[in-house]
Amino acid sequence: MKPKVLVTRVIPDAGLKRIQQVCEADIWPEVMPPPYSVLKERARGVDGLLCLITDRVDGDLLDAIGPQLKVISQMAVGVDNIDLNAARVRQIPVGHTPGVLTEATADLAFALLLAAGRRLLESVEYIRAGKWRTWEPTTLLGADFSGATLGIVGLGRIGKAVARRAAGFDMRLLAYNPTMTADEAAAVHARLVDFDTLLRESDFISIHTPLTPQTRGLFNRDVLAKMKPTAILVNTARGPIVEMEALYNALTTGVIRAAALDVTDPEPLPPDSPLLSLPNLTIVPHIGSASVWTRDQMALMAAENLIAGVTGRPLPHAVSQ
């Protein structure tokens, strides 16, 4: 008899077909994630759960699923939606998809840096509003990149990939990462500094730290006030690292120049959010890993974690619990 699994969203065929070869798969077909109450009922009795960052996986859910659950496989790098302690005490291994989305996410982070710095969306709207009459020497002036200072908060895989891209633009690189040595940072031509120095000296700041109790709300009103008034903030990590109200106030009062977000809090933002009306804020819908190859590889990794778990083998990409 095939092991029973629940897949909480339609994932790319590369992973889905692999799962269906080995498992009896119940696949949630809707665009929106299953409501928590529905998830608890639908997952009852399964041997494996493949989830996304939009699914809350806590002790109550694990108890509802039952003691036969052998694995939780997340199609993402971050696992802040999963109660790892609840999984550990129930001896349920948790898998994720690290490494494979590094380059795609770094590409997007740098695309957002460029878009916000050179005011691309404002320029598009300028044309659509019929304001483009001639070449003007002082219209829509943006930031320079060559020689500017980029501060990277969190110099892990993605942070280092962003640093490599910035080097090609002749940018000066600063990094804040409390667990890293200066030599490790120097390997990607970055200088390790304390957080206040990074805030004070950076023309651009790109966030690549995981969401933890220490980083939740890290970029609050006081921290944003320490940045240059000409600085640009980019977040492709997790939405709650930046306080949305504080960011709105900073962008509307000139505390910082501009921002670009791939992630928000809440996610998505409600359509009437005042942030969506700001010309100096670029927002995209959590597309950091949204390239064809990357999402296929994420689906395959999540599938292999799931299959390994339900067949009693070690997960190839396990989260340290």
C-alpha atoms as a PDB file:
ATOM      1  CA  MET A   1       0.000   0.000   0.000  1.00  0.00           C
ATOM      2  CA  LYS A   2       1.341   3.444  -0.942  1.00  0.00           C
ATOM      3  CA  PRO A   3       1.945   5.942   1.881  1.00  0.00           C
ATOM      4  CA  LYS A   4      -0.655   8.704   2.096  1.00  0.00           C
ATOM      5  CA  VAL A   5       0.506  12.305   1.823  1.00  0.00           C
ATOM      6  CA  LEU A   6      -1.085  15.733   1.644  1.00  0.00           C
ATOM      7  CA  VAL A   7       0.367  18.384  -0.645  1.00  0.00           C
ATOM      8  CA  THR A   8      -1.052  21.745   0.382  1.00  0.00           C
ATOM      9  CA  ARG A   9      -0.836  23.368  -3.071  1.00  0.00           C
ATOM     10  CA  VAL A  10      -0.304  22.450  -6.692  1.00  0.00           C
ATOM     11  CA  ILE A  11       3.479  22.454  -7.106  1.00  0.00           C
ATOM     12  CA  PRO A  12       5.483  22.150 -10.345  1.00  0.00           C
ATOM     13  CA  ASP A  13       5.106  18.830 -12.162  1.00  0.00           C
ATOM     14  CA  ALA A  14       8.775  18.020 -11.635  1.00  0.00           C
ATOM     15  CA  GLY A  15       8.018  17.327  -7.980  1.00  0.00           C
ATOM     16  CA  LEU A  16       4.364  16.382  -8.197  1.00  0.00           C
ATOM     17  CA  LYS A  17       4.874  13.524 -10.630  1.00  0.00           C
ATOM     18  CA  ARG A  18       7.693  12.135  -8.506  1.00  0.00           C
ATOM     19  CA  ILE A  19       5.426  12.140  -5.443  1.00  0.00           C
ATOM     20  CA  GLN A  20       2.591  10.440  -7.321  1.00  0.00           C
ATOM     21  CA  GLN A  21       4.917   7.633  -8.426  1.00  0.00           C
ATOM     22  CA  VAL A  22       5.510   6.632  -4.800  1.00  0.00           C
ATOM     23  CA  CYS A  23       2.625   7.999  -2.759  1.00  0.00           C
ATOM     24  CA  GLU A  24      -1.128   8.248  -2.653  1.00  0.00           C
ATOM     25  CA  ALA A  25      -1.257  12.017  -2.878  1.00  0.00           C
ATOM     26  CA  ASP A  26      -4.093  14.324  -1.865  1.00  0.00           C
ATOM     27  CA  ILE A  27      -3.348  17.659  -3.552  1.00  0.00           C
ATOM     28  CA  TRP A  28      -5.098  20.849  -2.465  1.00  0.00           C
ATOM     29  CA  PRO A  29      -6.294  22.302  -5.795  1.00  0.00           C
ATOM     30  CA  GLU A  30      -7.110  25.911  -4.897  1.00  0.00           C
ATOM     31  CA  VAL A  31      -4.994  29.006  -5.514  1.00  0.00           C
ATOM     32  CA  MET A  32      -5.403  30.089  -1.890  1.00  0.00           C
ATOM     33  CA  PRO A  33      -3.913  27.871   0.835  1.00  0.00           C
ATOM     34  CA  PRO A  34      -6.276  25.650   2.801  1.00  0.00           C
ATOM     35  CA  PRO A  35      -7.748  27.359   5.871  1.00  0.00           C
ATOM     36  CA  TYR A  36      -6.222  26.051   9.090  1.00  0.00           C
ATOM     37  CA  SER A  37      -9.390  24.213  10.121  1.00  0.00           C
ATOM     38  CA  VAL A  38      -9.631  22.569   6.709  1.00  0.00           C
ATOM     39  CA  LEU A  39      -5.943  21.676   6.790  1.00  0.00           C
ATOM     40  CA  LYS A  40      -6.403  19.913  10.128  1.00  0.00           C
ATOM     41  CA  GLU A  41      -9.258  17.829   8.788  1.00  0.00           C
ATOM     42  CA  ARG A  42      -7.745  17.127   5.366  1.00  0.00           C
ATOM     43  CA  ALA A  43      -4.392  16.050   6.796  1.00  0.00           C
ATOM     44  CA  ARG A  44      -5.840  13.675   9.360  1.00  0.00           C
ATOM     45  CA  GLY A  45      -4.221  10.253   9.052  1.00  0.00           C
ATOM     46  CA  VAL A  46      -1.565  11.087   6.451  1.00  0.00           C
ATOM     47  CA  ASP A  47       1.977   9.727   6.606  1.00  0.00           C
ATOM     48  CA  GLY A  48       3.577  12.830   5.134  1.00  0.00           C
ATOM     49  CA  LEU A  49       2.848  16.540   4.747  1.00  0.00           C
ATOM     50  CA  LEU A  50       4.278  18.755   2.010  1.00  0.00           C
ATOM     51  CA  CYS A  51       3.591  22.361   2.961  1.00  0.00           C
ATOM     52  CA  LEU A  52       4.394  25.926   1.959  1.00  0.00           C
ATOM     53  CA  ILE A  53       5.325  29.004   3.986  1.00  0.00           C
ATOM     54  CA  THR A  54       1.650  30.033   3.934  1.00  0.00           C
ATOM     55  CA  ASP A  55       0.662  26.995   6.037  1.00  0.00           C
ATOM     56  CA  ARG A  56       0.743  27.155   9.843  1.00  0.00           C
ATOM     57  CA  VAL A  57       2.194  23.902  11.131  1.00  0.00           C
ATOM     58  CA  ASP A  58       1.985  23.745  14.922  1.00  0.00           C
ATOM     59  CA  GLY A  59       1.438  21.220  17.677  1.00  0.00           C
ATOM     60  CA  ASP A  60      -2.336  21.263  17.335  1.00  0.00           C
ATOM     61  CA  LEU A  61      -2.081  20.453  13.636  1.00  0.00           C
ATOM     62  CA  LEU A  62       0.409  17.644  14.261  1.00  0.00           C
ATOM     63  CA  ASP A  63      -1.851  16.140  16.913  1.00  0.00           C
ATOM     64  CA  ALA A  64      -4.813  16.358  14.534  1.00  0.00           C
ATOM     65  CA  ILE A  65      -2.837  14.562  11.826  1.00  0.00           C
ATOM     66  CA  GLY A  66      -1.938  11.766  14.200  1.00  0.00           C
ATOM     67  CA  PRO A  67       1.075   9.831  15.513  1.00  0.00           C
ATOM     68  CA  GLN A  68       1.605   8.034  12.193  1.00  0.00           C
ATOM     69  CA  LEU A  69       2.968  11.252  10.603  1.00  0.00           C
ATOM     70  CA  LYS A  70       6.535  10.526   9.495  1.00  0.00           C
ATOM     71  CA  VAL A  71       7.704  13.730   7.814  1.00  0.00           C
ATOM     72  CA  ILE A  72       7.032  17.429   7.198  1.00  0.00           C
ATOM     73  CA  SER A  73       8.512  18.638   3.912  1.00  0.00           C
ATOM     74  CA  GLN A  74       8.476  22.367   3.219  1.00  0.00           C
ATOM     75  CA  MET A  75       8.920  23.750  -0.288  1.00  0.00           C
ATOM     76  CA  ALA A  76      10.941  26.736   0.900  1.00  0.00           C
ATOM     77  CA  VAL A  77      14.199  27.538   2.653  1.00  0.00           C
ATOM     78  CA  GLY A  78      12.690  29.319   5.637  1.00  0.00           C
ATOM     79  CA  VAL A  79      10.612  27.336   8.117  1.00  0.00           C
ATOM     80  CA  ASP A  80       9.360  30.060  10.474  1.00  0.00           C
ATOM     81  CA  ASN A  81       5.776  28.883   9.828  1.00  0.00           C
ATOM     82  CA  ILE A  82       6.611  25.500  11.376  1.00  0.00           C
ATOM     83  CA  ASP A  83       6.869  24.920  15.128  1.00  0.00           C
ATOM     84  CA  LEU A  84      10.156  23.026  15.040  1.00  0.00           C
ATOM     85  CA  ASN A  85      10.024  22.275  18.750  1.00  0.00           C
ATOM     86  CA  ALA A  86       6.589  20.660  18.351  1.00  0.00           C
ATOM     87  CA  ALA A  87       7.968  18.528  15.519  1.00  0.00           C
ATOM     88  CA  ARG A  88      11.081  17.581  17.491  1.00  0.00           C
ATOM     89  CA  VAL A  89       9.248  16.399  20.614  1.00  0.00           C
ATOM     90  CA  ARG A  90       7.049  14.249  18.353  1.00  0.00           C
ATOM     91  CA  GLN A  91      10.184  12.983  16.554  1.00  0.00           C
ATOM     92  CA  ILE A  92       8.973  14.188  13.158  1.00  0.00           C
ATOM     93  CA  PRO A  93      11.812  15.227  10.811  1.00  0.00           C
ATOM     94  CA  VAL A  94      11.386  18.481   8.883  1.00  0.00           C
ATOM     95  CA  GLY A  95      12.799  19.035   5.408  1.00  0.00           C
ATOM     96  CA  HIS A  96      13.291  22.224   3.377  1.00  0.00           C
ATOM     97  CA  THR A  97      14.888  23.363   0.098  1.00  0.00           C
ATOM     98  CA  PRO A  98      18.124  25.264   0.834  1.00  0.00           C
ATOM     99  CA  GLY A  99      20.695  26.450  -1.672  1.00  0.00           C
ATOM    100  CA  VAL A 100      18.748  25.954  -4.875  1.00  0.00           C
ATOM    101  CA  LEU A 101      17.019  29.342  -4.810  1.00  0.00           C
ATOM    102  CA  THR A 102      20.138  31.355  -3.940  1.00  0.00           C
ATOM    103  CA  GLU A 103      20.906  32.728  -7.390  1.00  0.00           C
ATOM    104  CA  ALA A 104      17.305  33.505  -8.366  1.00  0.00           C
ATOM    105  CA  THR A 105      16.677  35.370  -5.115  1.00  0.00           C
ATOM    106  CA  ALA A 106      19.937  37.283  -5.409  1.00  0.00           C
ATOM    107  CA  ASP A 107      18.986  38.245  -8.967  1.00  0.00           C
ATOM    108  CA  LEU A 108      15.695  39.646  -7.737  1.00  0.00           C
ATOM    109  CA  ALA A 109      17.298  41.478  -4.821  1.00  0.00           C
ATOM    110  CA  PHE A 110      19.624  43.234  -7.209  1.00  0.00           C
ATOM    111  CA  ALA A 111      16.803  43.902  -9.666  1.00  0.00           C
ATOM    112  CA  LEU A 112      14.921  45.624  -6.834  1.00  0.00           C
ATOM    113  CA  LEU A 113      18.005  47.634  -5.897  1.00  0.00           C
ATOM    114  CA  LEU A 114      18.247  48.848  -9.483  1.00  0.00           C
ATOM    115  CA  ALA A 115      14.518  49.473  -9.856  1.00  0.00           C
ATOM    116  CA  ALA A 116      14.287  51.524  -6.676  1.00  0.00           C
ATOM    117  CA  GLY A 117      17.593  53.293  -7.181  1.00  0.00           C
ATOM    118  CA  ARG A 118      16.889  54.306 -10.779  1.00  0.00           C
ATOM    119  CA  ARG A 119      13.182  54.930 -10.156  1.00  0.00           C
ATOM    120  CA  LEU A 120      12.008  52.555 -12.883  1.00  0.00           C
ATOM    121  CA  LEU A 121       8.388  52.216 -11.770  1.00  0.00           C
ATOM    122  CA  GLU A 122       8.061  55.968 -11.314  1.00  0.00           C
ATOM    123  CA  SER A 123       9.410  56.396 -14.831  1.00  0.00           C
ATOM    124  CA  VAL A 124       6.885  53.973 -16.280  1.00  0.00           C
ATOM    125  CA  GLU A 125       4.036  55.772 -14.511  1.00  0.00           C
ATOM    126  CA  TYR A 126       5.435  59.109 -15.698  1.00  0.00           C
ATOM    127  CA  ILE A 127       5.016  57.995 -19.304  1.00  0.00           C
ATOM    128  CA  ARG A 128       1.595  56.411 -18.752  1.00  0.00           C
ATOM    129  CA  ALA A 129       0.362  59.620 -17.175  1.00  0.00           C
ATOM    130  CA  GLY A 130       1.302  61.533 -20.352  1.00  0.00           C
ATOM    131  CA  LYS A 131       4.020  63.592 -18.662  1.00  0.00           C
ATOM    132  CA  TRP A 132       6.870  62.714 -21.054  1.00  0.00           C
ATOM    133  CA  ARG A 133       7.197  65.749 -23.316  1.00  0.00           C
ATOM    134  CA  THR A 134      10.939  65.969 -23.976  1.00  0.00           C
ATOM    135  CA  TRP A 135      14.344  65.048 -22.575  1.00  0.00           C
ATOM    136  CA  GLU A 136      14.685  66.922 -19.284  1.00  0.00           C
ATOM    137  CA  PRO A 137      17.976  67.407 -17.407  1.00  0.00           C
ATOM    138  CA  THR A 138      16.521  67.277 -13.894  1.00  0.00           C
ATOM    139  CA  THR A 139      13.615  64.831 -14.158  1.00  0.00           C
ATOM    140  CA  LEU A 140      13.501  61.462 -12.357  1.00  0.00           C
ATOM    141  CA  LEU A 141      17.095  61.578 -11.173  1.00  0.00           C
ATOM    142  CA  GLY A 142      18.075  58.404  -9.393  1.00  0.00           C
ATOM    143  CA  ALA A 143      20.929  57.028  -7.331  1.00  0.00           C
ATOM    144  CA  ASP A 144      24.386  56.111  -8.604  1.00  0.00           C
ATOM    145  CA  PHE A 145      25.660  52.572  -8.034  1.00  0.00           C
ATOM    146  CA  SER A 146      29.316  52.726  -9.000  1.00  0.00           C
ATOM    147  CA  GLY A 147      31.224  53.750  -5.891  1.00  0.00           C
ATOM    148  CA  ALA A 148      28.137  53.601  -3.654  1.00  0.00           C
ATOM    149  CA  THR A 149      28.079  51.569  -0.430  1.00  0.00           C
ATOM    150  CA  LEU A 150      25.873  48.497  -0.164  1.00  0.00           C
ATOM    151  CA  GLY A 151      25.178  47.172   3.329  1.00  0.00           C
ATOM    152  CA  ILE A 152      24.165  43.503   3.476  1.00  0.00           C
ATOM    153  CA  VAL A 153      22.327  42.338   6.595  1.00  0.00           C
ATOM    154  CA  GLY A 154      22.876  38.592   6.786  1.00  0.00           C
ATOM    155  CA  LEU A 155      25.801  37.307   4.753  1.00  0.00           C
ATOM    156  CA  GLY A 156      24.617  33.758   4.135  1.00  0.00           C
ATOM    157  CA  ARG A 157      24.250  32.078   0.750  1.00  0.00           C
ATOM    158  CA  ILE A 158      21.952  34.734  -0.718  1.00  0.00           C
ATOM    159  CA  GLY A 159      23.768  37.649   0.913  1.00  0.00           C
ATOM    160  CA  LYS A 160      27.064  36.432  -0.550  1.00  0.00           C
ATOM    161  CA  ALA A 161      25.464  36.032  -3.981  1.00  0.00           C
ATOM    162  CA  VAL A 162      24.229  39.632  -3.796  1.00  0.00           C
ATOM    163  CA  ALA A 163      27.738  40.725  -2.783  1.00  0.00           C
ATOM    164  CA  ARG A 164      29.185  39.037  -5.893  1.00  0.00           C
ATOM    165  CA  ARG A 165      26.734  40.929  -8.082  1.00  0.00           C
ATOM    166  CA  ALA A 166      27.471  44.231  -6.364  1.00  0.00           C
ATOM    167  CA  ALA A 167      31.190  43.771  -6.968  1.00  0.00           C
ATOM    168  CA  GLY A 168      30.462  43.929 -10.685  1.00  0.00           C
ATOM    169  CA  PHE A 169      28.989  47.392 -10.157  1.00  0.00           C
ATOM    170  CA  ASP A 170      32.111  48.585  -8.314  1.00  0.00           C
ATOM    171  CA  MET A 171      30.177  49.024  -5.094  1.00  0.00           C
ATOM    172  CA  ARG A 172      31.790  49.215  -1.655  1.00  0.00           C
ATOM    173  CA  LEU A 173      30.456  46.351   0.466  1.00  0.00           C
ATOM    174  CA  LEU A 174      29.664  46.301   4.185  1.00  0.00           C
ATOM    175  CA  ALA A 175      28.148  43.337   5.980  1.00  0.00           C
ATOM    176  CA  TYR A 176      26.522  42.707   9.334  1.00  0.00           C
ATOM    177  CA  ASN A 177      26.505  39.097  10.459  1.00  0.00           C
ATOM    178  CA  PRO A 178      27.204  38.401  14.154  1.00  0.00           C
ATOM    179  CA  THR A 179      28.225  34.767  13.570  1.00  0.00           C
ATOM    180  CA  MET A 180      30.696  35.428  10.748  1.00  0.00           C
ATOM    181  CA  THR A 181      34.405  36.192  10.794  1.00  0.00           C
ATOM    182  CA  ALA A 182      36.020  39.104   9.012  1.00  0.00           C
ATOM    183  CA  ASP A 183      37.920  36.694   6.756  1.00  0.00           C
ATOM    184  CA  GLU A 184      34.678  35.032   5.617  1.00  0.00           C
ATOM    185  CA  ALA A 185      33.229  38.420   4.692  1.00  0.00           C
ATOM    186  CA  ALA A 186      36.442  39.438   2.944  1.00  0.00           C
ATOM    187  CA  ALA A 187      36.105  36.388   0.672  1.00  0.00           C
ATOM    188  CA  VAL A 188      33.246  38.231  -1.079  1.00  0.00           C
ATOM    189  CA  HIS A 189      35.003  41.611  -0.812  1.00  0.00           C
ATOM    190  CA  ALA A 190      32.831  42.780   2.098  1.00  0.00           C
ATOM    191  CA  ARG A 191      33.969  44.447   5.317  1.00  0.00           C
ATOM    192  CA  LEU A 192      32.321  43.125   8.458  1.00  0.00           C
ATOM    193  CA  VAL A 193      30.967  45.967  10.622  1.00  0.00           C
ATOM    194  CA  ASP A 194      28.580  46.463  13.523  1.00  0.00           C
ATOM    195  CA  PHE A 195      24.927  47.159  12.791  1.00  0.00           C
ATOM    196  CA  ASP A 196      25.041  50.889  13.546  1.00  0.00           C
ATOM    197  CA  THR A 197      28.033  51.400  11.259  1.00  0.00           C
ATOM    198  CA  LEU A 198      26.247  49.618   8.435  1.00  0.00           C
ATOM    199  CA  LEU A 199      23.145  51.771   8.930  1.00  0.00           C
ATOM    200  CA  ARG A 200      25.163  54.982   9.080  1.00  0.00           C
ATOM    201  CA  GLU A 201      27.417  54.384   6.057  1.00  0.00           C
ATOM    202  CA  SER A 202      25.268  52.470   3.561  1.00  0.00           C
ATOM    203  CA  ASP A 203      23.655  54.044   0.501  1.00  0.00           C
ATOM    204  CA  PHE A 204      21.716  50.814  -0.069  1.00  0.00           C
ATOM    205  CA  ILE A 205      20.779  48.143   2.465  1.00  0.00           C
ATOM    206  CA  SER A 206      19.702  44.647   1.411  1.00  0.00           C
ATOM    207  CA  ILE A 207      18.199  42.272   4.004  1.00  0.00           C
ATOM    208  CA  HIS A 208      19.080  38.555   3.859  1.00  0.00           C
ATOM    209  CA  THR A 209      18.734  37.378   7.435  1.00  0.00           C
ATOM    210  CA  PRO A 210      16.267  34.678   8.544  1.00  0.00           C
ATOM    211  CA  LEU A 211      13.206  35.585  10.582  1.00  0.00           C
ATOM    212  CA  THR A 212      13.968  34.862  14.247  1.00  0.00           C
ATOM    213  CA  PRO A 213      12.808  36.403  17.533  1.00  0.00           C
ATOM    214  CA  GLN A 214      15.904  38.622  17.307  1.00  0.00           C
ATOM    215  CA  THR A 215      15.252  39.835  13.738  1.00  0.00           C
ATOM    216  CA  ARG A 216      11.472  40.254  13.955  1.00  0.00           C
ATOM    217  CA  GLY A 217      10.849  44.001  13.752  1.00  0.00           C
ATOM    218  CA  LEU A 218      14.590  44.648  13.390  1.00  0.00           C
ATOM    219  CA  PHE A 219      13.987  47.552  11.023  1.00  0.00           C
ATOM    220  CA  ASN A 220      11.796  49.691  13.262  1.00  0.00           C
ATOM    221  CA  ARG A 221      11.416  53.465  13.554  1.00  0.00           C
ATOM    222  CA  ASP A 222      14.635  53.922  15.521  1.00  0.00           C
ATOM    223  CA  VAL A 223      16.716  51.795  13.156  1.00  0.00           C
ATOM    224  CA  LEU A 224      15.333  53.445  10.014  1.00  0.00           C
ATOM    225  CA  ALA A 225      16.173  56.840  11.541  1.00  0.00           C
ATOM    226  CA  LYS A 226      19.847  55.819  11.682  1.00  0.00           C
ATOM    227  CA  MET A 227      19.996  55.326   7.913  1.00  0.00           C
ATOM    228  CA  LYS A 228      21.042  58.028   5.472  1.00  0.00           C
ATOM    229  CA  PRO A 229      18.122  60.168   4.222  1.00  0.00           C
ATOM    230  CA  THR A 230      19.279  59.205   0.709  1.00  0.00           C
ATOM    231  CA  ALA A 231      19.398  55.475   1.519  1.00  0.00           C
ATOM    232  CA  ILE A 232      17.360  52.760  -0.182  1.00  0.00           C
ATOM    233  CA  LEU A 233      16.167  49.642   1.675  1.00  0.00           C
ATOM    234  CA  VAL A 234      15.481  46.285  -0.011  1.00  0.00           C
ATOM    235  CA  ASN A 235      13.898  43.271   1.699  1.00  0.00           C
ATOM    236  CA  THR A 236      13.759  39.866  -0.006  1.00  0.00           C
ATOM    237  CA  ALA A 237      14.001  37.871   3.242  1.00  0.00           C
ATOM    238  CA  ARG A 238      10.859  37.848   5.416  1.00  0.00           C
ATOM    239  CA  GLY A 239       8.218  40.558   5.777  1.00  0.00           C
ATOM    240  CA  PRO A 240       8.134  40.880   9.594  1.00  0.00           C
ATOM    241  CA  ILE A 241      11.816  41.886   9.689  1.00  0.00           C
ATOM    242  CA  VAL A 242      10.642  45.360   8.624  1.00  0.00           C
ATOM    243  CA  GLU A 243       7.896  47.131  10.552  1.00  0.00           C
ATOM    244  CA  MET A 244       5.453  48.281   7.877  1.00  0.00           C
ATOM    245  CA  GLU A 245       4.095  51.312   9.732  1.00  0.00           C
ATOM    246  CA  ALA A 246       7.607  52.507  10.519  1.00  0.00           C
ATOM    247  CA  LEU A 247       8.584  52.060   6.864  1.00  0.00           C
ATOM    248  CA  TYR A 248       5.552  54.018   5.684  1.00  0.00           C
ATOM    249  CA  ASN A 249       6.418  56.886   8.011  1.00  0.00           C
ATOM    250  CA  ALA A 250      10.076  56.821   6.933  1.00  0.00           C
ATOM    251  CA  LEU A 251       9.160  56.951   3.247  1.00  0.00           C
ATOM    252  CA  THR A 252       6.600  59.728   3.606  1.00  0.00           C
ATOM    253  CA  THR A 253       8.689  61.987   5.843  1.00  0.00           C
ATOM    254  CA  GLY A 254      12.025  61.703   4.063  1.00  0.00           C
ATOM    255  CA  VAL A 255      13.770  59.600   6.697  1.00  0.00           C
ATOM    256  CA  ILE A 256      14.946  57.366   3.821  1.00  0.00           C
ATOM    257  CA  ARG A 257      14.727  57.877   0.095  1.00  0.00           C
ATOM    258  CA  ALA A 258      13.039  54.701  -1.142  1.00  0.00           C
ATOM    259  CA  ALA A 259      12.425  51.015  -0.516  1.00  0.00           C
ATOM    260  CA  ALA A 260      11.703  47.849  -2.479  1.00  0.00           C
ATOM    261  CA  LEU A 261      10.015  44.757  -1.041  1.00  0.00           C
ATOM    262  CA  ASP A 262       9.503  41.193  -2.198  1.00  0.00           C
ATOM    263  CA  VAL A 263       7.998  40.324   1.193  1.00  0.00           C
ATOM    264  CA  THR A 264       5.586  42.207   3.449  1.00  0.00           C
ATOM    265  CA  ASP A 265       3.755  41.922   6.758  1.00  0.00           C
ATOM    266  CA  PRO A 266       1.004  40.867   6.365  1.00  0.00           C
ATOM    267  CA  GLU A 267       1.473  39.060   3.099  1.00  0.00           C
ATOM    268  CA  PRO A 268      -0.132  39.993   0.847  1.00  0.00           C
ATOM    269  CA  LEU A 269      -0.793  43.579   1.838  1.00  0.00           C
ATOM    270  CA  PRO A 270      -4.485  44.509   1.774  1.00  0.00           C
ATOM    271  CA  PRO A 271      -5.463  46.447  -1.367  1.00  0.00           C
ATOM    272  CA  ASP A 272      -6.182  49.567   0.705  1.00  0.00           C
ATOM    273  CA  SER A 273      -2.771  49.608   2.400  1.00  0.00           C
ATOM    274  CA  PRO A 274      -1.344  53.139   2.293  1.00  0.00           C
ATOM    275  CA  LEU A 275       2.021  51.640   1.355  1.00  0.00           C
ATOM    276  CA  LEU A 276       0.676  50.776  -2.082  1.00  0.00           C
ATOM    277  CA  SER A 277       0.124  54.453  -2.869  1.00  0.00           C
ATOM    278  CA  LEU A 278       3.751  55.494  -2.354  1.00  0.00           C
ATOM    279  CA  PRO A 279       5.733  56.382  -5.486  1.00  0.00           C
ATOM    280  CA  ASN A 280       9.039  55.655  -3.717  1.00  0.00           C
ATOM    281  CA  LEU A 281       8.102  52.097  -2.746  1.00  0.00           C
ATOM    282  CA  THR A 282       8.409  49.153  -5.152  1.00  0.00           C
ATOM    283  CA  ILE A 283       6.553  45.984  -4.141  1.00  0.00           C
ATOM    284  CA  VAL A 284       6.505  42.630  -5.933  1.00  0.00           C
ATOM    285  CA  PRO A 285       4.522  39.530  -4.826  1.00  0.00           C
ATOM    286  CA  HIS A 286       7.171  37.294  -3.187  1.00  0.00           C
ATOM    287  CA  ILE A 287       8.781  36.227  -6.459  1.00  0.00           C
ATOM    288  CA  GLY A 288      12.361  35.830  -5.226  1.00  0.00           C
ATOM    289  CA  SER A 289      12.552  32.193  -6.290  1.00  0.00           C
ATOM    290  CA  ALA A 290      10.116  32.506  -9.197  1.00  0.00           C
ATOM    291  CA  SER A 291      12.188  31.220 -12.080  1.00  0.00           C
ATOM    292  CA  VAL A 292      11.220  28.044 -13.933  1.00  0.00           C
ATOM    293  CA  TRP A 293      14.393  26.099 -13.114  1.00  0.00           C
ATOM    294  CA  THR A 294      14.446  27.201  -9.463  1.00  0.00           C
ATOM    295  CA  ARG A 295      10.836  26.291  -8.717  1.00  0.00           C
ATOM    296  CA  ASP A 296      11.268  22.927 -10.479  1.00  0.00           C
ATOM    297  CA  GLN A 297      14.299  22.168  -8.318  1.00  0.00           C
ATOM    298  CA  MET A 298      12.500  23.271  -5.155  1.00  0.00           C
ATOM    299  CA  ALA A 299       9.595  20.969  -6.000  1.00  0.00           C
ATOM    300  CA  LEU A 300      11.971  18.061  -6.621  1.00  0.00           C
ATOM    301  CA  MET A 301      13.833  18.647  -3.354  1.00  0.00           C
ATOM    302  CA  ALA A 302      10.571  18.867  -1.414  1.00  0.00           C
ATOM    303  CA  ALA A 303       9.370  15.675  -3.098  1.00  0.00           C
ATOM    304  CA  GLU A 304      12.576  13.802  -2.270  1.00  0.00           C
ATOM    305  CA  ASN A 305      12.373  14.919   1.380  1.00  0.00           C
ATOM    306  CA  LEU A 306       8.755  13.772   1.530  1.00  0.00           C
ATOM    307  CA  ILE A 307       9.448  10.404  -0.091  1.00  0.00           C
ATOM    308  CA  ALA A 308      12.482   9.762   2.086  1.00  0.00           C
ATOM    309  CA  GLY A 309      10.466  10.469   5.209  1.00  0.00           C
ATOM    310  CA  VAL A 310       7.498   8.265   4.410  1.00  0.00           C
ATOM    311  CA  THR A 311       9.772   5.400   3.370  1.00  0.00           C
ATOM    312  CA  GLY A 312      11.846   5.561   6.538  1.00  0.00           C
ATOM    313  CA  ARG A 313      15.037   7.018   5.100  1.00  0.00           C
ATOM    314  CA  PRO A 314      17.004  10.085   6.275  1.00  0.00           C
ATOM    315  CA  LEU A 315      15.869  13.324   4.651  1.00  0.00           C
ATOM    316  CA  PRO A 316      18.389  14.557   2.065  1.00  0.00           C
ATOM    317  CA  HIS A 317      17.712  18.183   3.039  1.00  0.00           C
ATOM    318  CA  ALA A 318      16.731  18.149   6.702  1.00  0.00           C
ATOM    319  CA  VAL A 319      16.286  21.183   8.945  1.00  0.00           C
ATOM    320  CA  SER A 320      18.494  21.105  12.021  1.00  0.00           C
ATOM    321  CA  GLN A 321      16.071  20.765  14.925  1.00  0.00           C
END
